[in-house]
Protein backbone atom coordinates (compact mmCIF):
# COMPACT_ATOMS: atom_id res chain seq x y z
CA UNK A 1 -15.28 10.21 -3.23
CA UNK A 2 -12.12 10.40 -5.33
CA UNK A 3 -9.21 8.02 -4.86
CA UNK A 4 -6.09 9.80 -3.71
CA UNK A 5 -3.37 9.66 -6.37
CA UNK A 6 0.24 8.68 -5.89
CA UNK A 7 2.37 10.70 -8.31
CA UNK A 8 5.83 10.13 -9.68
CA UNK A 9 8.33 12.97 -9.54
CA UNK A 10 7.71 13.71 -13.22
CA UNK A 11 3.94 13.76 -12.73
CA UNK A 12 4.27 16.10 -9.76
CA UNK A 13 6.53 18.43 -11.74
CA UNK A 14 3.96 18.44 -14.54
CA UNK A 15 1.21 19.35 -12.07
CA UNK A 16 3.34 22.25 -10.80
CA UNK A 17 3.99 23.46 -14.34
CA UNK A 18 0.30 23.22 -15.22
CA UNK A 19 -0.67 25.32 -12.19
CA UNK A 20 1.93 27.94 -13.07
CA UNK A 21 0.81 27.98 -16.71
CA UNK A 22 -2.78 28.44 -15.51
CA UNK A 23 -1.81 31.59 -13.65
CA UNK A 24 -0.52 30.65 -10.20
CA UNK A 25 3.07 31.94 -9.86
CA UNK A 26 5.72 29.56 -8.56
CA UNK A 27 6.40 31.90 -5.64
CA UNK A 28 2.77 31.56 -4.55
CA UNK A 29 2.98 27.76 -4.64
CA UNK A 30 6.22 27.90 -2.65
CA UNK A 31 4.65 30.22 -0.08
CA UNK A 32 1.70 27.82 0.31
CA UNK A 33 4.06 24.86 0.71
CA UNK A 34 6.11 26.61 3.38
CA UNK A 35 2.94 27.72 5.15
CA UNK A 36 1.71 24.11 5.28
CA UNK A 37 4.99 22.93 6.80
CA UNK A 38 5.08 25.75 9.35
CA UNK A 39 1.47 25.06 10.36
CA UNK A 40 2.21 21.35 10.81
CA UNK A 41 5.23 22.15 12.98
CA UNK A 42 3.32 24.57 15.18
CA UNK A 43 0.51 22.06 15.63
CA UNK A 44 2.83 19.23 16.68
CA UNK A 45 5.74 20.85 18.53
CA UNK A 46 6.23 23.44 21.26
CA UNK A 47 8.31 26.52 20.37
CA UNK A 48 12.00 25.64 20.62
CA UNK A 49 15.35 26.44 18.98
CA UNK A 50 15.02 25.33 15.37
CA UNK A 51 17.49 24.90 12.53
CA UNK A 52 16.12 24.94 8.98
CA UNK A 53 18.62 23.22 6.69
CA UNK A 54 18.23 24.67 3.18
CA UNK A 55 19.55 23.24 -0.07
CA UNK A 56 20.07 25.24 -3.26
CA UNK A 57 16.84 24.26 -5.07
CA UNK A 58 13.13 24.71 -4.56
CA UNK A 59 13.13 22.40 -1.55
CA UNK A 60 15.46 24.89 0.07
CA UNK A 61 13.13 27.68 -1.04
CA UNK A 62 10.32 26.01 0.91
CA UNK A 63 12.69 25.95 3.88
CA UNK A 64 13.27 29.72 3.77
CA UNK A 65 9.50 30.22 3.92
CA UNK A 66 9.24 27.89 6.92
CA UNK A 67 12.02 29.74 8.71
CA UNK A 68 10.39 33.12 8.13
CA UNK A 69 6.94 32.00 9.23
CA UNK A 70 8.21 30.29 12.38
CA UNK A 71 10.23 33.38 13.25
CA UNK A 72 7.14 35.60 12.94
CA UNK A 73 5.44 33.31 15.46
CA UNK A 74 8.22 33.87 17.95
CA UNK A 75 10.24 30.73 17.39
CA UNK A 76 14.05 31.00 17.72
CA UNK A 77 15.07 30.02 14.17
CA UNK A 78 18.32 29.87 12.25
CA UNK A 79 18.95 28.84 8.64
CA UNK A 80 21.89 26.60 7.74
CA UNK A 81 22.47 26.82 3.99
CA UNK A 82 24.22 24.10 2.00
CA UNK A 83 24.73 26.54 -0.91
CA UNK A 84 23.18 29.75 -2.21
CA UNK A 85 19.77 29.35 -3.90
CA UNK A 86 19.93 28.53 -7.60
CA UNK A 87 16.28 28.86 -8.71
CA UNK A 88 14.42 32.15 -9.08
CA UNK A 89 11.67 31.19 -6.64
CA UNK A 90 14.14 29.98 -4.01
CA UNK A 91 16.19 33.16 -4.43
CA UNK A 92 13.06 35.25 -3.89
CA UNK A 93 12.19 33.39 -0.69
CA UNK A 94 15.76 33.60 0.60
CA UNK A 95 15.57 37.35 0.02
CA UNK A 96 12.52 37.59 2.29
CA UNK A 97 14.31 35.80 5.13
CA UNK A 98 15.70 38.41 7.54
CA UNK A 99 17.14 36.11 10.18
CA UNK A 100 20.47 34.41 10.78
CA UNK A 101 21.93 32.32 7.94
CA UNK A 102 25.07 30.26 8.41
CA UNK A 103 26.79 27.57 6.34
CA UNK A 104 25.70 23.96 6.81
CA UNK A 105 28.60 22.95 9.03
CA UNK A 106 29.38 22.39 12.66
CA UNK A 107 27.01 21.00 15.26
CA UNK A 108 23.32 20.61 14.50
CA UNK A 109 22.20 20.69 18.09
CA UNK A 110 18.92 22.61 18.04
CA UNK A 111 15.78 21.08 19.49
CA UNK A 112 14.12 20.77 16.06
CA UNK A 113 15.67 20.26 12.63
CA UNK A 114 13.77 21.02 9.42
CA UNK A 115 15.19 19.09 6.47
CA UNK A 116 14.85 21.30 3.38
CA UNK A 117 18.04 20.11 1.67
CA UNK A 118 16.74 18.00 -1.23
CA UNK A 119 13.28 16.80 -2.20
CA UNK A 120 11.85 13.89 -4.13
CA UNK A 121 13.74 14.68 -7.34
CA UNK A 122 17.16 13.75 -5.98
CA UNK A 123 18.87 11.29 -8.33
CA UNK A 124 22.35 10.84 -6.81
CA UNK A 125 23.76 10.04 -3.37
CA UNK A 126 24.26 12.83 -0.86
CA UNK A 127 27.86 13.88 -0.32
CA UNK A 128 29.93 16.26 1.77
CA UNK A 129 28.11 18.38 4.33
CA UNK A 130 24.71 17.18 3.12
CA UNK A 131 25.69 13.57 3.86
CA UNK A 132 27.03 14.52 7.27
CA UNK A 133 23.82 16.38 8.10
CA UNK A 134 21.71 13.42 6.91
CA UNK A 135 23.62 11.06 9.20
CA UNK A 136 23.07 13.38 12.17
CA UNK A 137 19.34 13.60 11.42
CA UNK A 138 19.10 9.84 10.95
CA UNK A 139 20.43 9.41 14.49
CA UNK A 140 17.69 11.58 16.02
CA UNK A 141 14.58 11.23 13.80
CA UNK A 142 12.21 12.27 16.59
CA UNK A 143 13.51 15.84 16.17
CA UNK A 144 13.34 16.00 12.36
CA UNK A 145 10.64 17.35 10.05
CA UNK A 146 11.30 16.69 6.35
CA UNK A 147 9.93 18.73 3.47
CA UNK A 148 8.62 16.64 0.53
CA UNK A 149 10.82 13.59 1.22
CA UNK A 150 13.69 13.04 3.64
CA UNK A 151 16.88 14.13 1.87
CA UNK A 152 18.64 11.21 0.23
CA UNK A 153 15.37 9.39 -0.54
CA UNK A 154 14.44 9.36 -4.26
CA UNK A 155 10.74 10.04 -4.68
CA UNK A 156 10.09 7.38 -7.31
CA UNK A 157 11.54 4.35 -5.54
CA UNK A 158 11.75 4.80 -1.78
CA UNK A 159 15.20 3.19 -1.94
CA UNK A 160 17.99 5.35 -0.46
CA UNK A 161 21.01 5.90 -2.67
CA UNK A 162 23.37 6.50 0.27
CA UNK A 163 23.12 8.51 3.48
CA UNK A 164 19.49 9.39 4.14
CA UNK A 165 17.51 11.45 6.63
CA UNK A 166 15.02 9.75 8.92
CA UNK A 167 12.12 11.96 10.08
CA UNK A 168 9.26 11.84 12.55
CA UNK A 169 7.12 13.89 10.15
CA UNK A 170 7.27 14.46 6.40
CA UNK A 171 5.12 17.14 4.82
CA UNK A 172 4.57 16.67 1.11
CA UNK A 173 2.34 18.51 -1.32
CA UNK A 174 -0.69 17.62 -3.43
CA UNK A 175 -0.11 13.84 -3.38
CA UNK A 176 2.10 11.14 -1.97
CA UNK A 177 5.01 9.91 -4.07
CA UNK A 178 6.06 6.24 -4.26
CA UNK A 179 8.76 6.93 -1.65
CA UNK A 180 6.05 7.75 0.90
CA UNK A 181 4.31 4.37 0.55
CA UNK A 182 7.08 1.89 -0.34
CA UNK A 183 9.50 0.48 2.20
CA UNK A 184 12.03 1.48 3.39
CA UNK A 185 11.05 5.00 2.36
CA UNK A 186 7.74 4.76 4.17
CA UNK A 187 9.51 4.07 7.45
CA UNK A 188 12.06 6.85 6.89
CA UNK A 189 9.29 9.40 6.35
CA UNK A 190 7.53 8.87 9.68
CA UNK A 191 4.07 10.42 9.62
CA UNK A 192 3.25 11.70 6.14
CA UNK A 193 1.06 14.77 5.84
CA UNK A 194 -0.21 15.64 2.36
CA UNK A 195 -0.86 19.39 2.11
CA UNK A 196 -3.16 20.92 -0.49
CA UNK A 197 -1.39 23.82 -2.22
CA UNK A 198 -4.05 24.39 -4.86
CA UNK A 199 -2.87 22.32 -7.80
CA UNK A 200 -6.31 20.88 -8.59
CA UNK A 201 -7.25 17.31 -9.49
CA UNK A 202 -4.62 15.11 -11.08
CA UNK A 203 -5.77 11.87 -12.74
CA UNK A 204 -3.56 8.88 -12.00
CA UNK A 205 -3.66 5.12 -12.39
CA UNK A 206 -1.57 4.72 -9.24
CA UNK A 207 -3.52 5.51 -6.08
CA UNK A 208 -3.50 5.06 -2.35
CA UNK A 209 -5.57 2.07 -1.33
CA UNK A 210 -8.40 3.20 0.89
CA UNK A 211 -12.19 3.47 1.00
CA UNK A 212 -12.14 6.43 -1.39
CA UNK A 213 -11.08 3.94 -4.06
CA UNK A 214 -13.77 1.27 -3.62
CA UNK A 215 -16.37 2.07 -0.96
CA UNK A 216 -18.98 3.35 -3.41
CA UNK A 217 -18.93 -0.08 -5.11
CA UNK A 218 -18.88 -2.19 -1.95
CA UNK A 219 -21.49 -5.00 -2.14
CA UNK A 220 -23.81 -4.15 0.74
CA UNK A 221 -26.98 -6.25 0.94
CA UNK A 222 -30.37 -4.70 0.27
CA UNK A 223 -33.69 -5.42 1.97
CA UNK A 224 -34.44 -7.91 -0.81
CA UNK A 225 -31.13 -9.80 -0.53
CA UNK A 226 -31.01 -13.52 0.24
CA UNK A 227 -28.10 -15.86 0.77
CA UNK A 228 -28.01 -17.16 -2.79
CA UNK A 229 -27.87 -13.62 -4.14
CA UNK A 230 -25.03 -12.61 -1.78
CA UNK A 231 -22.40 -14.81 -3.39
CA UNK A 232 -21.51 -18.49 -3.52
CA UNK A 233 -17.91 -19.07 -2.50
CA UNK A 234 -16.04 -22.35 -2.41
CA UNK A 235 -12.71 -23.11 -0.76
CA UNK A 236 -10.60 -26.15 -1.52
CA UNK A 237 -9.26 -27.92 1.56
CA UNK A 238 -5.84 -29.42 2.03
CA UNK A 239 -5.31 -33.00 3.19
CA UNK A 240 -6.39 -34.29 6.61
CA UNK A 241 -3.50 -32.76 8.55
CA UNK A 242 -3.62 -29.44 6.66
CA UNK A 243 -7.23 -28.31 6.84
CA UNK A 244 -7.01 -25.24 9.08
CA UNK A 245 -5.94 -22.81 6.36
CA UNK A 246 -9.01 -23.53 4.25
CA UNK A 247 -11.24 -22.99 7.26
CA UNK A 248 -9.60 -19.64 7.96
CA UNK A 249 -10.28 -18.57 4.37
CA UNK A 250 -13.83 -19.88 4.46
CA UNK A 251 -14.72 -18.13 7.70
CA UNK A 252 -13.22 -14.90 6.37
CA UNK A 253 -15.31 -15.18 3.21
CA UNK A 254 -18.44 -15.64 5.28
CA UNK A 255 -17.63 -12.70 7.56
CA UNK A 256 -17.00 -10.37 4.63
CA UNK A 257 -20.50 -11.05 3.35
CA UNK A 258 -20.60 -14.09 1.07
CA UNK A 259 -24.01 -15.71 1.37
CA UNK A 260 -22.99 -19.35 1.00
CA UNK A 261 -19.50 -20.68 1.69
CA UNK A 262 -18.61 -24.31 1.10
CA UNK A 263 -15.37 -26.16 1.73
CA UNK A 264 -14.70 -28.95 -0.77
CA UNK A 265 -12.47 -31.66 0.66
CA UNK A 266 -11.14 -35.09 -0.16
CA UNK A 267 -12.48 -38.05 1.81
CA UNK A 268 -9.59 -38.01 4.31
CA UNK A 269 -10.20 -34.34 5.15
CA UNK A 270 -13.95 -34.50 5.70
CA UNK A 271 -13.89 -35.52 9.36
CA UNK A 272 -11.30 -32.93 10.52
CA UNK A 273 -13.21 -30.19 8.74
CA UNK A 274 -16.63 -31.35 9.95
CA UNK A 275 -15.43 -31.18 13.55
CA UNK A 276 -14.80 -27.44 13.23
CA UNK A 277 -17.47 -26.10 10.88
CA UNK A 278 -20.85 -24.57 11.58
CA UNK A 279 -22.21 -22.02 9.09
CA UNK A 280 -19.59 -23.03 6.52
CA UNK A 281 -20.80 -26.05 4.56
CA UNK A 282 -18.72 -29.09 3.65
CA UNK A 283 -18.86 -31.31 0.58
CA UNK A 284 -16.66 -34.15 -0.68
CA UNK A 285 -14.91 -34.57 -4.01
CA UNK A 286 -12.54 -37.23 -5.25
CA UNK A 287 -11.28 -36.04 -8.64
CA UNK A 288 -10.59 -32.82 -10.44
CA UNK A 289 -13.48 -33.61 -12.78
CA UNK A 290 -15.85 -33.78 -9.81
CA UNK A 291 -14.48 -30.48 -8.52
CA UNK A 292 -15.00 -28.86 -11.91
CA UNK A 293 -18.62 -29.95 -11.95
CA UNK A 294 -19.23 -28.80 -8.37
CA UNK A 295 -17.54 -25.43 -8.84
CA UNK A 296 -19.42 -24.51 -11.99
CA UNK A 297 -22.26 -23.07 -9.91
CA UNK A 298 -19.93 -21.03 -7.68
CA UNK A 299 -19.26 -17.34 -8.10
CA UNK A 300 -15.71 -17.52 -6.72
CA UNK A 301 -13.26 -20.21 -5.63
CA UNK A 302 -10.20 -20.07 -3.38
CA UNK A 303 -7.43 -22.59 -3.84
CA UNK A 304 -3.95 -22.74 -2.36
CA UNK A 305 -4.06 -22.35 1.43
CA UNK A 306 -2.30 -25.54 2.67
CA UNK A 307 -3.43 -27.28 -0.51
CA UNK A 308 -0.10 -29.05 -0.97
CA UNK A 309 2.45 -28.56 -3.74
CA UNK A 310 1.27 -31.62 -5.63
CA UNK A 311 0.02 -32.71 -9.02
CA UNK A 312 -3.45 -32.90 -7.46
CA UNK A 313 -3.39 -29.19 -6.63
CA UNK A 314 -2.22 -28.34 -10.14
CA UNK A 315 -5.05 -30.36 -11.69
CA UNK A 316 -7.57 -28.81 -9.32
CA UNK A 317 -6.49 -25.29 -10.34
CA UNK A 318 -6.88 -26.18 -14.01
CA UNK A 319 -10.29 -27.71 -13.29
CA UNK A 320 -11.48 -24.58 -11.48
CA UNK A 321 -10.23 -22.44 -14.36
CA UNK A 322 -12.61 -24.29 -16.69
CA UNK A 323 -15.61 -23.15 -14.64
CA UNK A 324 -17.38 -19.80 -14.44
CA UNK A 325 -15.98 -19.07 -10.99
CA UNK A 326 -13.51 -16.24 -10.44
CA UNK A 327 -10.37 -17.68 -8.84
CA UNK A 328 -8.31 -16.52 -5.88
CA UNK A 329 -5.02 -18.39 -6.19
CA UNK A 330 -2.76 -18.36 -3.16
CA UNK A 331 0.18 -20.13 -1.52
CA UNK A 332 0.65 -23.73 -2.72
CA UNK A 333 -1.52 -23.17 -5.79
CA UNK A 334 1.01 -20.56 -6.89
CA UNK A 335 4.12 -22.57 -6.04
CA UNK A 336 2.89 -25.67 -7.88
CA UNK A 337 3.33 -23.78 -11.18
CA UNK A 338 6.93 -22.70 -10.51
CA UNK A 339 8.32 -24.96 -13.26
CA UNK A 340 5.84 -23.72 -15.87
CA UNK A 341 4.19 -20.41 -14.93
CA UNK A 342 2.88 -20.03 -18.46
CA UNK A 343 0.63 -23.03 -17.90
CA UNK A 344 -1.12 -21.05 -15.19
CA UNK A 345 -1.18 -17.76 -17.10
CA UNK A 346 -2.76 -19.47 -20.09
CA UNK A 347 -5.90 -20.36 -18.13
CA UNK A 348 -6.35 -17.20 -16.06
CA UNK A 349 -9.04 -14.59 -16.65
CA UNK A 350 -8.89 -10.88 -15.87
CA UNK A 351 -11.19 -11.39 -12.86
CA UNK A 352 -8.86 -13.95 -11.25
CA UNK A 353 -6.58 -12.85 -8.40
CA UNK A 354 -3.05 -14.04 -7.56
CA UNK A 355 -1.91 -13.30 -3.99
CA UNK A 356 1.84 -14.02 -3.75
CA UNK A 357 4.27 -12.99 -1.06
CA UNK A 358 7.70 -12.02 -2.50
CA UNK A 359 8.98 -15.61 -2.50
CA UNK A 360 5.94 -16.91 -4.36
CA UNK A 361 6.11 -13.92 -6.70
CA UNK A 362 9.66 -14.93 -7.62
CA UNK A 363 8.49 -18.47 -8.44
CA UNK A 364 5.87 -17.24 -10.90
CA UNK A 365 7.80 -14.22 -12.22
CA UNK A 366 11.50 -15.09 -11.94
CA UNK A 367 13.75 -12.03 -11.72
CA UNK A 368 10.90 -9.55 -12.16
CA UNK A 369 10.95 -8.13 -8.64
CA UNK A 370 14.72 -7.76 -8.53
CA UNK A 371 14.80 -6.36 -12.06
CA UNK A 372 12.18 -3.68 -11.43
CA UNK A 373 12.94 -0.26 -9.93
CA UNK A 374 10.37 -0.89 -7.19
CA UNK A 375 7.44 -3.13 -6.22
CA UNK A 376 4.83 -1.04 -8.04
CA UNK A 377 6.44 -1.61 -11.42
CA UNK A 378 6.98 -5.30 -10.63
CA UNK A 379 3.34 -5.86 -9.70
CA UNK A 380 2.12 -4.01 -12.79
CA UNK A 381 4.34 -6.04 -15.09
CA UNK A 382 3.22 -9.24 -13.39
CA UNK A 383 -0.47 -8.41 -13.76
CA UNK A 384 0.04 -7.67 -17.43
CA UNK A 385 1.99 -10.90 -17.95
CA UNK A 386 -0.48 -13.07 -16.04
CA UNK A 387 -3.58 -11.36 -17.41
CA UNK A 388 -5.01 -11.28 -13.88
CA UNK A 389 -5.05 -9.13 -10.76
CA UNK A 390 -1.86 -9.48 -8.71
CA UNK A 391 -1.71 -8.64 -5.00
CA UNK A 392 1.95 -8.53 -3.97
CA UNK A 393 1.97 -8.92 -0.20
CA UNK A 394 4.15 -7.02 2.22
CA UNK A 395 4.06 -4.12 4.65
CA UNK A 396 3.55 -2.03 1.50
CA UNK A 397 1.11 -4.35 -0.29
CA UNK A 398 0.64 -3.49 -3.97
CA UNK A 399 -2.47 -4.46 -5.95
CA UNK A 400 -2.23 -4.28 -9.74
CA UNK A 401 -4.76 -4.97 -12.47
CA UNK A 402 -3.91 -6.01 -16.03
CA UNK A 403 -5.61 -2.81 -17.22
CA UNK A 404 -2.96 -0.74 -15.40
CA UNK A 405 -4.89 0.29 -12.28
CA UNK A 406 -2.59 0.03 -9.28
CA UNK A 407 -2.97 0.80 -5.59
CA UNK A 408 -0.61 0.69 -2.63
CA UNK A 409 -1.76 -0.04 0.90
CA UNK A 410 -0.90 2.76 3.30
CA UNK A 411 -2.36 1.11 6.42
CA UNK A 412 -0.21 -2.02 6.70
CA UNK A 413 -0.09 -3.54 10.17
CA UNK A 414 2.87 -5.32 11.81
CA UNK A 415 0.41 -7.51 13.71
CA UNK A 416 -0.34 -9.37 10.47
CA UNK A 417 3.06 -11.06 10.66
CA UNK A 418 1.52 -14.26 11.99
CA UNK A 419 0.79 -17.67 10.48
CA UNK A 420 -2.48 -17.87 8.59
CA UNK A 421 -3.10 -14.16 8.04
CA UNK A 422 -2.66 -14.64 4.29
CA UNK A 423 -5.34 -17.33 4.30
CA UNK A 424 -7.76 -14.86 5.88
CA UNK A 425 -6.84 -12.26 3.25
CA UNK A 426 -7.61 -14.78 0.49
CA UNK A 427 -10.98 -15.39 2.14
CA UNK A 428 -11.78 -11.70 2.29
CA UNK A 429 -10.93 -11.33 -1.41
CA UNK A 430 -12.93 -14.39 -2.41
CA UNK A 431 -15.91 -13.32 -0.35
CA UNK A 432 -16.03 -9.90 -2.00
CA UNK A 433 -15.48 -11.25 -5.52
CA UNK A 434 -18.25 -13.79 -4.98
CA UNK A 435 -20.63 -10.89 -4.27
CA UNK A 436 -19.91 -9.39 -7.66
CA UNK A 437 -17.30 -6.81 -6.72
CA UNK A 438 -14.73 -6.00 -9.38
CA UNK A 439 -11.71 -8.18 -8.63
CA UNK A 440 -9.21 -5.32 -8.45
CA UNK A 441 -11.45 -3.37 -6.11
CA UNK A 442 -12.16 -6.52 -4.08
CA UNK A 443 -8.45 -7.18 -3.61
CA UNK A 444 -7.89 -3.57 -2.57
CA UNK A 445 -10.82 -3.55 -0.15
CA UNK A 446 -9.81 -6.89 1.35
CA UNK A 447 -6.22 -5.76 1.93
CA UNK A 448 -7.36 -2.55 3.61
CA UNK A 449 -9.97 -4.25 5.82
CA UNK A 450 -7.44 -6.97 6.71
CA UNK A 451 -4.98 -4.37 8.02
CA UNK A 452 -7.67 -2.36 9.82
CA UNK A 453 -8.90 -5.50 11.57
CA UNK A 454 -5.37 -6.29 12.73
CA UNK A 455 -4.94 -2.79 14.13
CA UNK A 456 -8.19 -3.14 16.09
CA UNK A 457 -6.67 -6.08 17.96
CA UNK A 458 -2.99 -5.16 18.12
CA UNK A 459 -0.59 -7.20 20.26
CA UNK A 460 -1.38 -10.86 20.61
CA UNK A 461 -3.29 -11.12 17.34
CA UNK A 462 -3.56 -14.56 15.78
CA UNK A 463 -5.15 -15.28 12.45
CA UNK A 464 -8.21 -16.90 14.01
CA UNK A 465 -9.05 -13.46 15.44
CA UNK A 466 -9.18 -11.66 12.11
CA UNK A 467 -12.55 -12.80 10.69
CA UNK A 468 -14.26 -11.86 13.95
CA UNK A 469 -12.71 -8.40 13.87
CA UNK A 470 -13.96 -7.65 10.35
CA UNK A 471 -17.55 -6.74 11.38
CA UNK A 472 -16.37 -3.73 13.40
CA UNK A 473 -14.50 -2.45 10.35
CA UNK A 474 -17.48 -3.17 8.10
CA UNK A 475 -19.80 -1.32 10.49
CA UNK A 476 -17.61 1.75 10.27
CA UNK A 477 -17.51 1.55 6.47
CA UNK A 478 -21.27 1.06 6.30
CA UNK A 479 -21.85 4.18 8.37
CA UNK A 480 -19.44 6.18 6.18
CA UNK A 481 -20.80 5.06 2.82
């Protein structure tokens, strides 16, 4: 299995040039691209009056191919051209189109609109007739198919520069671009279909997060496995009235496969935890020195869920960092270092994982998110600065390693917008790391499984449901391995 790359506009252009240099003419690549779009349209829509809106570049050239192929299948098709083609390949494809071509003006009232105005390389806002057409298409996305990216959406950022098309389907080629996986671009694209046009393998450090990336290294037990060999995970509890988050993380760690999971709690939190625990063990500690001694035998430790933004939490993080355990640092254990992030970075190892949402990210990395072109760059810079894996939460969760590996979740679920879901995610990560999985891969696998579990449940999901939903996802992965 090979992880599916996400390519920047420059990387995609380089892949095109390499294919052409290796002997595949640009016209052939354009014909394949148009064929893929036409096939996708025929598979998803009934024949109906269709307008193909063509720009002057190669995106428009793809559109002329689509128009011709739909027409040969009996579809009533008309081309609306923004301007005459300006590239040799687009001119060649326009020359093969023998149907009606009119200027891009007037009503766009056909049943289906194919957006072939501008692709991922657009670097300035749409204007004039292109902007008007984009606004019309944005008002009726269920009738729009976009080629490469919706016009007005830069491929490298997913952040519209002005008027932008919204589509029900976007057909791109060879690999997704950042605009296909980062919000709001992801939403504007609708369904994204990646068509193979014969460019061959393209190595990339930025990939889609999915089983292709990590399933071959997933820590399945063998016939000889026993609980001590399957990972020893500890979770640090909050105070008496804030113990639920640690239990969510602990149960998630157990469900994801950790052999032994123990909650460490102060004296006041022992009774509330004991009342709710079964397979998860419970042990007391009074000082950070005691925690350091206890954690030294653990494979991984989770700290932060409802831990409290206190000096005690800060000292506990530093104590855990002195042990051999890999750390998953979440929530309050992130915020407690907001006045001196460098104190945290100085004790982190490359197998530790930080799991901030955007607000917590800002506390550790002030200005970095706002000052970066998009979340991918921000997460990469943060991982390099912290010297640890960074999982930047969101509907387009980004996982970045200090060695440059980066993945973006493409299966985010809206049902995860509920209290405690982040605690479960921390537990999934900790459980996988405790079993010896590479921390970057563990964070990626946990994020993907987390979203899949949420989708299994759907409406009405609460965080307590998530650990119990994980086995169905794991069963599917086990059968696919």
